[in-house]
Amino acid sequence: MARIPEVFGPTVDEHTRCVHYVTELDIIAIRFACCDRYYPCHLCHSETADHPAQQWPREKFDQPAILCGNCWTEMTIETYKSVDECPECCAAFNPRCAAHSELYFDSK
């Protein structure tokens, strides 16, 4: 059986929701490029990591870096950016996460 990645930061439930984002749609965690650790959001990383966050460079968008908090499937950044729901379990993702995309992924 595959290992379920650990999610760091102040999570509030088993679906990777955190103290900052708690809607039904807030069910992803992002593996940060700088530390190779999953966090629910940029605020969780900022509050608990001992270093500044780094964006994923475009040339690494094929790396698994997004975790569905419903079924624990890991997906690439390319996949995540092209869907509105998990390709494995069809759980909907929060479309408002796109507003923070530049905090996680190079947009140039």
PDB file of N, CA and C in Angstrom:
ATOM      1  N   MET A   1       0.832  -1.177   0.000  1.00  0.00           N
ATOM      2  CA  MET A   1       0.000   0.000   0.000  1.00  0.00           C
ATOM      3  C   MET A   1       0.881   1.247   0.000  1.00  0.00           C
ATOM      4  N   ALA A   2       0.462   2.245  -0.765  1.00  0.00           N
ATOM      5  CA  ALA A   2       1.235   3.475  -0.876  1.00  0.00           C
ATOM      6  C   ALA A   2       1.208   4.256   0.437  1.00  0.00           C
ATOM      7  N   ARG A   3       2.301   4.921   0.704  1.00  0.00           N
ATOM      8  CA  ARG A   3       2.417   5.756   1.896  1.00  0.00           C
ATOM      9  C   ARG A   3       1.618   7.035   1.702  1.00  0.00           C
ATOM     10  N   ILE A   4       0.828   7.406   2.695  1.00  0.00           N
ATOM     11  CA  ILE A   4       0.082   8.660   2.656  1.00  0.00           C
ATOM     12  C   ILE A   4       1.026   9.763   3.119  1.00  0.00           C
ATOM     13  N   PRO A   5       1.213  10.792   2.288  1.00  0.00           N
ATOM     14  CA  PRO A   5       2.125  11.870   2.678  1.00  0.00           C
ATOM     15  C   PRO A   5       1.646  12.599   3.931  1.00  0.00           C
ATOM     16  N   GLU A   6       2.593  13.054   4.721  1.00  0.00           N
ATOM     17  CA  GLU A   6       2.265  13.854   5.900  1.00  0.00           C
ATOM     18  C   GLU A   6       1.990  15.289   5.463  1.00  0.00           C
ATOM     19  N   VAL A   7       0.997  15.909   6.069  1.00  0.00           N
ATOM     20  CA  VAL A   7       0.665  17.298   5.797  1.00  0.00           C
ATOM     21  C   VAL A   7       1.023  18.109   7.039  1.00  0.00           C
ATOM     22  N   PHE A   8       1.846  19.128   6.844  1.00  0.00           N
ATOM     23  CA  PHE A   8       2.343  19.947   7.943  1.00  0.00           C
ATOM     24  C   PHE A   8       1.500  21.205   8.089  1.00  0.00           C
ATOM     25  N   GLY A   9       1.605  21.840   9.236  1.00  0.00           N
ATOM     26  CA  GLY A   9       0.857  23.065   9.484  1.00  0.00           C
ATOM     27  C   GLY A   9      -0.388  22.795  10.305  1.00  0.00           C
ATOM     28  N   PRO A  10      -1.132  23.851  10.617  1.00  0.00           N
ATOM     29  CA  PRO A  10      -2.305  23.732  11.488  1.00  0.00           C
ATOM     30  C   PRO A  10      -3.550  23.201  10.767  1.00  0.00           C
ATOM     31  N   THR A  11      -3.530  21.905  10.457  1.00  0.00           N
ATOM     32  CA  THR A  11      -4.694  21.295   9.822  1.00  0.00           C
ATOM     33  C   THR A  11      -5.805  21.133  10.851  1.00  0.00           C
ATOM     34  N   VAL A  12      -7.043  21.142  10.356  1.00  0.00           N
ATOM     35  CA  VAL A  12      -8.181  21.033  11.271  1.00  0.00           C
ATOM     36  C   VAL A  12      -9.000  19.767  11.062  1.00  0.00           C
ATOM     37  N   ASP A  13      -8.719  19.033   9.974  1.00  0.00           N
ATOM     38  CA  ASP A  13      -9.432  17.779   9.757  1.00  0.00           C
ATOM     39  C   ASP A  13      -8.619  16.835   8.873  1.00  0.00           C
ATOM     40  N   GLU A  14      -9.162  15.668   8.600  1.00  0.00           N
ATOM     41  CA  GLU A  14      -8.457  14.647   7.824  1.00  0.00           C
ATOM     42  C   GLU A  14      -8.482  14.902   6.323  1.00  0.00           C
ATOM     43  N   HIS A  15      -9.042  16.028   5.890  1.00  0.00           N
ATOM     44  CA  HIS A  15      -9.096  16.361   4.467  1.00  0.00           C
ATOM     45  C   HIS A  15      -8.162  17.507   4.104  1.00  0.00           C
ATOM     46  N   THR A  16      -7.190  17.783   4.926  1.00  0.00           N
ATOM     47  CA  THR A  16      -6.142  18.798   4.767  1.00  0.00           C
ATOM     48  C   THR A  16      -6.642  20.231   4.918  1.00  0.00           C
ATOM     49  N   ARG A  17      -7.860  20.418   5.403  1.00  0.00           N
ATOM     50  CA  ARG A  17      -8.292  21.795   5.660  1.00  0.00           C
ATOM     51  C   ARG A  17      -7.443  22.352   6.804  1.00  0.00           C
ATOM     52  N   CYS A  18      -7.271  23.663   6.783  1.00  0.00           N
ATOM     53  CA  CYS A  18      -6.438  24.294   7.805  1.00  0.00           C
ATOM     54  C   CYS A  18      -7.207  25.409   8.505  1.00  0.00           C
ATOM     55  N   VAL A  19      -6.554  26.052   9.443  1.00  0.00           N
ATOM     56  CA  VAL A  19      -7.208  27.124  10.189  1.00  0.00           C
ATOM     57  C   VAL A  19      -7.495  28.339   9.308  1.00  0.00           C
ATOM     58  N   HIS A  20      -6.861  28.420   8.141  1.00  0.00           N
ATOM     59  CA  HIS A  20      -7.044  29.570   7.253  1.00  0.00           C
ATOM     60  C   HIS A  20      -8.126  29.356   6.201  1.00  0.00           C
ATOM     61  N   TYR A  21      -8.259  28.133   5.719  1.00  0.00           N
ATOM     62  CA  TYR A  21      -9.208  27.813   4.634  1.00  0.00           C
ATOM     63  C   TYR A  21      -9.981  26.560   5.034  1.00  0.00           C
ATOM     64  N   VAL A  22     -11.281  26.711   5.291  1.00  0.00           N
ATOM     65  CA  VAL A  22     -12.047  25.602   5.860  1.00  0.00           C
ATOM     66  C   VAL A  22     -13.354  25.296   5.125  1.00  0.00           C
ATOM     67  N   THR A  23     -13.510  25.767   3.888  1.00  0.00           N
ATOM     68  CA  THR A  23     -14.751  25.456   3.180  1.00  0.00           C
ATOM     69  C   THR A  23     -14.737  23.999   2.725  1.00  0.00           C
ATOM     70  N   GLU A  24     -15.871  23.520   2.295  1.00  0.00           N
ATOM     71  CA  GLU A  24     -15.980  22.142   1.785  1.00  0.00           C
ATOM     72  C   GLU A  24     -15.040  21.908   0.607  1.00  0.00           C
ATOM     73  N   LEU A  25     -14.695  22.964  -0.125  1.00  0.00           N
ATOM     74  CA  LEU A  25     -13.849  22.832  -1.306  1.00  0.00           C
ATOM     75  C   LEU A  25     -12.359  22.934  -1.016  1.00  0.00           C
ATOM     76  N   ASP A  26     -11.991  23.274   0.193  1.00  0.00           N
ATOM     77  CA  ASP A  26     -10.582  23.449   0.541  1.00  0.00           C
ATOM     78  C   ASP A  26      -9.970  22.121   0.969  1.00  0.00           C
ATOM     79  N   ILE A  27      -9.716  21.277  -0.029  1.00  0.00           N
ATOM     80  CA  ILE A  27      -9.272  19.913   0.278  1.00  0.00           C
ATOM     81  C   ILE A  27      -7.965  19.531  -0.400  1.00  0.00           C
ATOM     82  N   ILE A  28      -7.149  20.492  -0.751  1.00  0.00           N
ATOM     83  CA  ILE A  28      -5.854  20.110  -1.313  1.00  0.00           C
ATOM     84  C   ILE A  28      -4.733  20.585  -0.409  1.00  0.00           C
ATOM     85  N   ALA A  29      -3.614  19.924  -0.520  1.00  0.00           N
ATOM     86  CA  ALA A  29      -2.378  20.375   0.107  1.00  0.00           C
ATOM     87  C   ALA A  29      -1.348  20.481  -1.014  1.00  0.00           C
ATOM     88  N   ILE A  30      -0.406  21.366  -0.830  1.00  0.00           N
ATOM     89  CA  ILE A  30       0.609  21.639  -1.843  1.00  0.00           C
ATOM     90  C   ILE A  30       1.971  21.265  -1.287  1.00  0.00           C
ATOM     91  N   ARG A  31       2.703  20.490  -2.070  1.00  0.00           N
ATOM     92  CA  ARG A  31       4.088  20.162  -1.697  1.00  0.00           C
ATOM     93  C   ARG A  31       4.937  21.359  -2.112  1.00  0.00           C
ATOM     94  N   PHE A  32       5.535  22.001  -1.138  1.00  0.00           N
ATOM     95  CA  PHE A  32       6.306  23.209  -1.428  1.00  0.00           C
ATOM     96  C   PHE A  32       7.658  22.843  -2.017  1.00  0.00           C
ATOM     97  N   ALA A  33       8.036  23.559  -3.069  1.00  0.00           N
ATOM     98  CA  ALA A  33       9.274  23.286  -3.787  1.00  0.00           C
ATOM     99  C   ALA A  33      10.498  23.473  -2.898  1.00  0.00           C
ATOM    100  N   CYS A  34      10.417  24.373  -1.951  1.00  0.00           N
ATOM    101  CA  CYS A  34      11.564  24.715  -1.111  1.00  0.00           C
ATOM    102  C   CYS A  34      11.908  23.642  -0.085  1.00  0.00           C
ATOM    103  N   CYS A  35      10.942  22.880   0.369  1.00  0.00           N
ATOM    104  CA  CYS A  35      11.212  21.949   1.478  1.00  0.00           C
ATOM    105  C   CYS A  35      10.659  20.546   1.252  1.00  0.00           C
ATOM    106  N   ASP A  36       9.988  20.336   0.127  1.00  0.00           N
ATOM    107  CA  ASP A  36       9.465  19.006  -0.197  1.00  0.00           C
ATOM    108  C   ASP A  36       8.475  18.508   0.852  1.00  0.00           C
ATOM    109  N   ARG A  37       7.729  19.436   1.464  1.00  0.00           N
ATOM    110  CA  ARG A  37       6.720  19.094   2.465  1.00  0.00           C
ATOM    111  C   ARG A  37       5.367  19.633   2.024  1.00  0.00           C
ATOM    112  N   TYR A  38       4.334  18.852   2.298  1.00  0.00           N
ATOM    113  CA  TYR A  38       2.973  19.288   2.005  1.00  0.00           C
ATOM    114  C   TYR A  38       2.451  20.203   3.107  1.00  0.00           C
ATOM    115  N   TYR A  39       1.837  21.307   2.678  1.00  0.00           N
ATOM    116  CA  TYR A  39       1.133  22.228   3.572  1.00  0.00           C
ATOM    117  C   TYR A  39      -0.221  22.527   2.941  1.00  0.00           C
ATOM    118  N   PRO A  40      -1.245  22.808   3.757  1.00  0.00           N
ATOM    119  CA  PRO A  40      -2.558  23.149   3.203  1.00  0.00           C
ATOM    120  C   PRO A  40      -2.568  24.474   2.443  1.00  0.00           C
ATOM    121  N   CYS A  41      -1.719  25.429   2.857  1.00  0.00           N
ATOM    122  CA  CYS A  41      -1.744  26.728   2.189  1.00  0.00           C
ATOM    123  C   CYS A  41      -0.455  27.495   2.460  1.00  0.00           C
ATOM    124  N   HIS A  42      -0.318  28.618   1.777  1.00  0.00           N
ATOM    125  CA  HIS A  42       0.869  29.466   1.923  1.00  0.00           C
ATOM    126  C   HIS A  42       0.978  30.044   3.333  1.00  0.00           C
ATOM    127  N   LEU A  43      -0.136  30.315   3.974  1.00  0.00           N
ATOM    128  CA  LEU A  43      -0.098  30.862   5.338  1.00  0.00           C
ATOM    129  C   LEU A  43       0.408  29.819   6.332  1.00  0.00           C
ATOM    130  N   CYS A  44      -0.023  28.586   6.158  1.00  0.00           N
ATOM    131  CA  CYS A  44       0.471  27.501   7.021  1.00  0.00           C
ATOM    132  C   CYS A  44       1.991  27.367   6.892  1.00  0.00           C
ATOM    133  N   HIS A  45       2.485  27.404   5.659  1.00  0.00           N
ATOM    134  CA  HIS A  45       3.927  27.318   5.443  1.00  0.00           C
ATOM    135  C   HIS A  45       4.625  28.506   6.091  1.00  0.00           C
ATOM    136  N   SER A  46       4.115  29.689   5.862  1.00  0.00           N
ATOM    137  CA  SER A  46       4.720  30.909   6.400  1.00  0.00           C
ATOM    138  C   SER A  46       4.790  30.885   7.926  1.00  0.00           C
ATOM    139  N   GLU A  47       3.749  30.357   8.550  1.00  0.00           N
ATOM    140  CA  GLU A  47       3.677  30.346  10.018  1.00  0.00           C
ATOM    141  C   GLU A  47       4.491  29.238  10.674  1.00  0.00           C
ATOM    142  N   THR A  48       4.767  28.160   9.961  1.00  0.00           N
ATOM    143  CA  THR A  48       5.399  27.021  10.624  1.00  0.00           C
ATOM    144  C   THR A  48       6.750  26.597  10.058  1.00  0.00           C
ATOM    145  N   ALA A  49       7.075  26.992   8.840  1.00  0.00           N
ATOM    146  CA  ALA A  49       8.374  26.627   8.263  1.00  0.00           C
ATOM    147  C   ALA A  49       9.426  27.637   8.716  1.00  0.00           C
ATOM    148  N   ASP A  50      10.672  27.219   8.697  1.00  0.00           N
ATOM    149  CA  ASP A  50      11.754  28.102   9.135  1.00  0.00           C
ATOM    150  C   ASP A  50      12.488  28.758   7.961  1.00  0.00           C
ATOM    151  N   HIS A  51      11.785  28.886   6.838  1.00  0.00           N
ATOM    152  CA  HIS A  51      12.383  29.453   5.632  1.00  0.00           C
ATOM    153  C   HIS A  51      11.272  30.047   4.765  1.00  0.00           C
ATOM    154  N   PRO A  52      11.621  30.926   3.835  1.00  0.00           N
ATOM    155  CA  PRO A  52      10.606  31.484   2.936  1.00  0.00           C
ATOM    156  C   PRO A  52      10.189  30.459   1.879  1.00  0.00           C
ATOM    157  N   ALA A  53       8.960  30.580   1.430  1.00  0.00           N
ATOM    158  CA  ALA A  53       8.449  29.687   0.381  1.00  0.00           C
ATOM    159  C   ALA A  53       9.089  30.034  -0.959  1.00  0.00           C
ATOM    160  N   GLN A  54       9.212  29.017  -1.800  1.00  0.00           N
ATOM    161  CA  GLN A  54       9.693  29.205  -3.166  1.00  0.00           C
ATOM    162  C   GLN A  54       8.648  28.682  -4.129  1.00  0.00           C
ATOM    163  N   GLN A  55       8.519  29.345  -5.265  1.00  0.00           N
ATOM    164  CA  GLN A  55       7.585  28.904  -6.305  1.00  0.00           C
ATOM    165  C   GLN A  55       8.145  27.674  -7.019  1.00  0.00           C
ATOM    166  N   TRP A  56       7.214  26.855  -7.510  1.00  0.00           N
ATOM    167  CA  TRP A  56       7.614  25.768  -8.399  1.00  0.00           C
ATOM    168  C   TRP A  56       7.955  26.371  -9.752  1.00  0.00           C
ATOM    169  N   PRO A  57       9.136  26.069 -10.324  1.00  0.00           N
ATOM    170  CA  PRO A  57       9.454  26.570 -11.664  1.00  0.00           C
ATOM    171  C   PRO A  57       8.652  25.805 -12.720  1.00  0.00           C
ATOM    172  N   ARG A  58       8.339  26.481 -13.805  1.00  0.00           N
ATOM    173  CA  ARG A  58       7.533  25.882 -14.883  1.00  0.00           C
ATOM    174  C   ARG A  58       8.082  24.535 -15.357  1.00  0.00           C
ATOM    175  N   GLU A  59       9.399  24.420 -15.416  1.00  0.00           N
ATOM    176  CA  GLU A  59       9.994  23.187 -15.938  1.00  0.00           C
ATOM    177  C   GLU A  59       9.780  21.994 -15.012  1.00  0.00           C
ATOM    178  N   LYS A  60       9.223  22.234 -13.827  1.00  0.00           N
ATOM    179  CA  LYS A  60       8.936  21.137 -12.897  1.00  0.00           C
ATOM    180  C   LYS A  60       7.438  20.950 -12.659  1.00  0.00           C
ATOM    181  N   PHE A  61       6.611  21.521 -13.510  1.00  0.00           N
ATOM    182  CA  PHE A  61       5.163  21.358 -13.372  1.00  0.00           C
ATOM    183  C   PHE A  61       4.722  19.917 -13.615  1.00  0.00           C
ATOM    184  N   ASP A  62       5.626  19.065 -14.087  1.00  0.00           N
ATOM    185  CA  ASP A  62       5.303  17.653 -14.295  1.00  0.00           C
ATOM    186  C   ASP A  62       5.565  16.821 -13.030  1.00  0.00           C
ATOM    187  N   GLN A  63       5.944  17.475 -11.939  1.00  0.00           N
ATOM    188  CA  GLN A  63       6.221  16.800 -10.674  1.00  0.00           C
ATOM    189  C   GLN A  63       4.947  16.645  -9.848  1.00  0.00           C
ATOM    190  N   PRO A  64       4.776  15.528  -9.149  1.00  0.00           N
ATOM    191  CA  PRO A  64       3.629  15.410  -8.240  1.00  0.00           C
ATOM    192  C   PRO A  64       3.814  16.380  -7.075  1.00  0.00           C
ATOM    193  N   ALA A  65       2.875  17.320  -6.942  1.00  0.00           N
ATOM    194  CA  ALA A  65       3.026  18.347  -5.912  1.00  0.00           C
ATOM    195  C   ALA A  65       1.693  18.771  -5.309  1.00  0.00           C
ATOM    196  N   ILE A  66       0.612  18.134  -5.721  1.00  0.00           N
ATOM    197  CA  ILE A  66      -0.711  18.471  -5.196  1.00  0.00           C
ATOM    198  C   ILE A  66      -1.325  17.199  -4.632  1.00  0.00           C
ATOM    199  N   LEU A  67      -1.881  17.314  -3.441  1.00  0.00           N
ATOM    200  CA  LEU A  67      -2.472  16.169  -2.760  1.00  0.00           C
ATOM    201  C   LEU A  67      -3.965  16.418  -2.563  1.00  0.00           C
ATOM    202  N   CYS A  68      -4.787  15.507  -3.063  1.00  0.00           N
ATOM    203  CA  CYS A  68      -6.225  15.593  -2.823  1.00  0.00           C
ATOM    204  C   CYS A  68      -6.482  15.129  -1.388  1.00  0.00           C
ATOM    205  N   GLY A  69      -7.101  15.980  -0.608  1.00  0.00           N
ATOM    206  CA  GLY A  69      -7.387  15.647   0.775  1.00  0.00           C
ATOM    207  C   GLY A  69      -8.596  14.746   0.944  1.00  0.00           C
ATOM    208  N   ASN A  70      -9.272  14.438  -0.143  1.00  0.00           N
ATOM    209  CA  ASN A  70     -10.409  13.520  -0.062  1.00  0.00           C
ATOM    210  C   ASN A  70      -9.960  12.070  -0.243  1.00  0.00           C
ATOM    211  N   CYS A  71      -9.164  11.819  -1.288  1.00  0.00           N
ATOM    212  CA  CYS A  71      -8.743  10.433  -1.566  1.00  0.00           C
ATOM    213  C   CYS A  71      -7.236  10.225  -1.429  1.00  0.00           C
ATOM    214  N   TRP A  72      -6.487  11.281  -1.168  1.00  0.00           N
ATOM    215  CA  TRP A  72      -5.039  11.252  -0.966  1.00  0.00           C
ATOM    216  C   TRP A  72      -4.248  10.914  -2.220  1.00  0.00           C
ATOM    217  N   THR A  73      -4.842  11.192  -3.369  1.00  0.00           N
ATOM    218  CA  THR A  73      -4.134  11.029  -4.634  1.00  0.00           C
ATOM    219  C   THR A  73      -3.191  12.201  -4.841  1.00  0.00           C
ATOM    220  N   GLU A  74      -1.969  11.902  -5.255  1.00  0.00           N
ATOM    221  CA  GLU A  74      -1.030  12.952  -5.629  1.00  0.00           C
ATOM    222  C   GLU A  74      -1.149  13.191  -7.126  1.00  0.00           C
ATOM    223  N   MET A  75      -1.096  14.455  -7.499  1.00  0.00           N
ATOM    224  CA  MET A  75      -1.157  14.790  -8.926  1.00  0.00           C
ATOM    225  C   MET A  75      -0.091  15.823  -9.254  1.00  0.00           C
ATOM    226  N   THR A  76       0.234  15.907 -10.527  1.00  0.00           N
ATOM    227  CA  THR A  76       1.211  16.896 -10.958  1.00  0.00           C
ATOM    228  C   THR A  76       0.577  18.282 -10.943  1.00  0.00           C
ATOM    229  N   ILE A  77       1.420  19.274 -10.978  1.00  0.00           N
ATOM    230  CA  ILE A  77       0.947  20.649 -11.055  1.00  0.00           C
ATOM    231  C   ILE A  77       0.192  20.854 -12.360  1.00  0.00           C
ATOM    232  N   GLU A  78       0.704  20.298 -13.460  1.00  0.00           N
ATOM    233  CA  GLU A  78       0.014  20.402 -14.755  1.00  0.00           C
ATOM    234  C   GLU A  78      -1.410  19.871 -14.653  1.00  0.00           C
ATOM    235  N   THR A  79      -1.561  18.703 -14.071  1.00  0.00           N
ATOM    236  CA  THR A  79      -2.888  18.111 -13.924  1.00  0.00           C
ATOM    237  C   THR A  79      -3.779  19.000 -13.079  1.00  0.00           C
ATOM    238  N   TYR A  80      -3.283  19.398 -11.915  1.00  0.00           N
ATOM    239  CA  TYR A  80      -4.070  20.227 -11.007  1.00  0.00           C
ATOM    240  C   TYR A  80      -4.547  21.513 -11.687  1.00  0.00           C
ATOM    241  N   LYS A  81      -3.662  22.155 -12.431  1.00  0.00           N
ATOM    242  CA  LYS A  81      -4.014  23.422 -13.073  1.00  0.00           C
ATOM    243  C   LYS A  81      -5.002  23.238 -14.221  1.00  0.00           C
ATOM    244  N   SER A  82      -5.218  22.012 -14.655  1.00  0.00           N
ATOM    245  CA  SER A  82      -6.109  21.775 -15.795  1.00  0.00           C
ATOM    246  C   SER A  82      -7.468  21.184 -15.404  1.00  0.00           C
ATOM    247  N   VAL A  83      -7.711  20.980 -14.109  1.00  0.00           N
ATOM    248  CA  VAL A  83      -8.962  20.358 -13.662  1.00  0.00           C
ATOM    249  C   VAL A  83      -9.638  21.202 -12.578  1.00  0.00           C
ATOM    250  N   ASP A  84     -10.923  20.949 -12.360  1.00  0.00           N
ATOM    251  CA  ASP A  84     -11.673  21.601 -11.292  1.00  0.00           C
ATOM    252  C   ASP A  84     -12.018  20.630 -10.169  1.00  0.00           C
ATOM    253  N   GLU A  85     -11.663  19.368 -10.377  1.00  0.00           N
ATOM    254  CA  GLU A  85     -11.949  18.326  -9.392  1.00  0.00           C
ATOM    255  C   GLU A  85     -10.875  17.260  -9.486  1.00  0.00           C
ATOM    256  N   CYS A  86     -10.790  16.452  -8.482  1.00  0.00           N
ATOM    257  CA  CYS A  86      -9.793  15.384  -8.464  1.00  0.00           C
ATOM    258  C   CYS A  86     -10.069  14.396  -9.589  1.00  0.00           C
ATOM    259  N   PRO A  87      -9.063  14.072 -10.398  1.00  0.00           N
ATOM    260  CA  PRO A  87      -9.267  13.111 -11.478  1.00  0.00           C
ATOM    261  C   PRO A  87      -9.531  11.686 -10.975  1.00  0.00           C
ATOM    262  N   GLU A  88      -9.215  11.429  -9.709  1.00  0.00           N
ATOM    263  CA  GLU A  88      -9.411  10.090  -9.143  1.00  0.00           C
ATOM    264  C   GLU A  88     -10.775   9.929  -8.479  1.00  0.00           C
ATOM    265  N   CYS A  89     -11.152  10.871  -7.598  1.00  0.00           N
ATOM    266  CA  CYS A  89     -12.390  10.701  -6.816  1.00  0.00           C
ATOM    267  C   CYS A  89     -13.484  11.711  -7.169  1.00  0.00           C
ATOM    268  N   CYS A  90     -13.174  12.648  -8.053  1.00  0.00           N
ATOM    269  CA  CYS A  90     -14.128  13.680  -8.524  1.00  0.00           C
ATOM    270  C   CYS A  90     -14.538  14.686  -7.443  1.00  0.00           C
ATOM    271  N   ALA A  91     -13.804  14.766  -6.344  1.00  0.00           N
ATOM    272  CA  ALA A  91     -14.077  15.793  -5.332  1.00  0.00           C
ATOM    273  C   ALA A  91     -13.731  17.157  -5.922  1.00  0.00           C
ATOM    274  N   ALA A  92     -14.626  18.110  -5.763  1.00  0.00           N
ATOM    275  CA  ALA A  92     -14.431  19.456  -6.308  1.00  0.00           C
ATOM    276  C   ALA A  92     -13.358  20.209  -5.539  1.00  0.00           C
ATOM    277  N   PHE A  93     -12.569  20.992  -6.279  1.00  0.00           N
ATOM    278  CA  PHE A  93     -11.546  21.849  -5.687  1.00  0.00           C
ATOM    279  C   PHE A  93     -12.044  23.286  -5.661  1.00  0.00           C
ATOM    280  N   ASN A  94     -11.499  24.079  -4.772  1.00  0.00           N
ATOM    281  CA  ASN A  94     -11.899  25.474  -4.646  1.00  0.00           C
ATOM    282  C   ASN A  94     -11.352  26.287  -5.819  1.00  0.00           C
ATOM    283  N   PRO A  95     -12.220  26.825  -6.669  1.00  0.00           N
ATOM    284  CA  PRO A  95     -11.735  27.607  -7.814  1.00  0.00           C
ATOM    285  C   PRO A  95     -11.045  28.898  -7.383  1.00  0.00           C
ATOM    286  N   ARG A  96     -11.309  29.345  -6.170  1.00  0.00           N
ATOM    287  CA  ARG A  96     -10.667  30.575  -5.698  1.00  0.00           C
ATOM    288  C   ARG A  96      -9.190  30.375  -5.393  1.00  0.00           C
ATOM    289  N   CYS A  97      -8.724  29.141  -5.342  1.00  0.00           N
ATOM    290  CA  CYS A  97      -7.299  28.894  -5.129  1.00  0.00           C
ATOM    291  C   CYS A  97      -6.456  29.500  -6.252  1.00  0.00           C
ATOM    292  N   ALA A  98      -7.043  29.663  -7.412  1.00  0.00           N
ATOM    293  CA  ALA A  98      -6.331  30.261  -8.536  1.00  0.00           C
ATOM    294  C   ALA A  98      -5.855  31.672  -8.208  1.00  0.00           C
ATOM    295  N   ALA A  99      -6.535  32.343  -7.298  1.00  0.00           N
ATOM    296  CA  ALA A  99      -6.144  33.691  -6.907  1.00  0.00           C
ATOM    297  C   ALA A  99      -4.777  33.713  -6.208  1.00  0.00           C
ATOM    298  N   HIS A 100      -4.356  32.582  -5.666  1.00  0.00           N
ATOM    299  CA  HIS A 100      -3.074  32.491  -4.971  1.00  0.00           C
ATOM    300  C   HIS A 100      -2.036  31.710  -5.763  1.00  0.00           C
ATOM    301  N   SER A 101      -2.344  31.366  -6.980  1.00  0.00           N
ATOM    302  CA  SER A 101      -1.476  30.504  -7.783  1.00  0.00           C
ATOM    303  C   SER A 101      -0.036  31.018  -7.866  1.00  0.00           C
ATOM    304  N   GLU A 102       0.137  32.333  -8.008  1.00  0.00           N
ATOM    305  CA  GLU A 102       1.478  32.887  -8.149  1.00  0.00           C
ATOM    306  C   GLU A 102       2.330  32.712  -6.881  1.00  0.00           C
ATOM    307  N   LEU A 103       1.688  32.421  -5.758  1.00  0.00           N
ATOM    308  CA  LEU A 103       2.456  32.162  -4.534  1.00  0.00           C
ATOM    309  C   LEU A 103       3.119  30.781  -4.567  1.00  0.00           C
ATOM    310  N   TYR A 104       2.562  29.892  -5.362  1.00  0.00           N
ATOM    311  CA  TYR A 104       3.043  28.508  -5.412  1.00  0.00           C
ATOM    312  C   TYR A 104       3.776  28.155  -6.706  1.00  0.00           C
ATOM    313  N   PHE A 105       3.294  28.714  -7.817  1.00  0.00           N
ATOM    314  CA  PHE A 105       3.763  28.298  -9.144  1.00  0.00           C
ATOM    315  C   PHE A 105       4.243  29.500  -9.955  1.00  0.00           C
ATOM    316  N   ASP A 106       5.375  29.324 -10.630  1.00  0.00           N
ATOM    317  CA  ASP A 106       5.885  30.371 -11.504  1.00  0.00           C
ATOM    318  C   ASP A 106       4.846  30.676 -12.572  1.00  0.00           C
ATOM    319  N   SER A 107       4.509  31.939 -12.735  1.00  0.00           N
ATOM    320  CA  SER A 107       3.473  32.312 -13.705  1.00  0.00           C
ATOM    321  C   SER A 107       4.052  33.002 -14.927  1.00  0.00           C
ATOM    322  N   LYS A 108       5.366  33.048 -15.024  1.00  0.00           N
ATOM    323  CA  LYS A 108       6.011  33.716 -16.172  1.00  0.00           C
ATOM    324  C   LYS A 108       6.095  32.810 -17.361  1.00  0.00           C
TER     325      LYS A 108
END
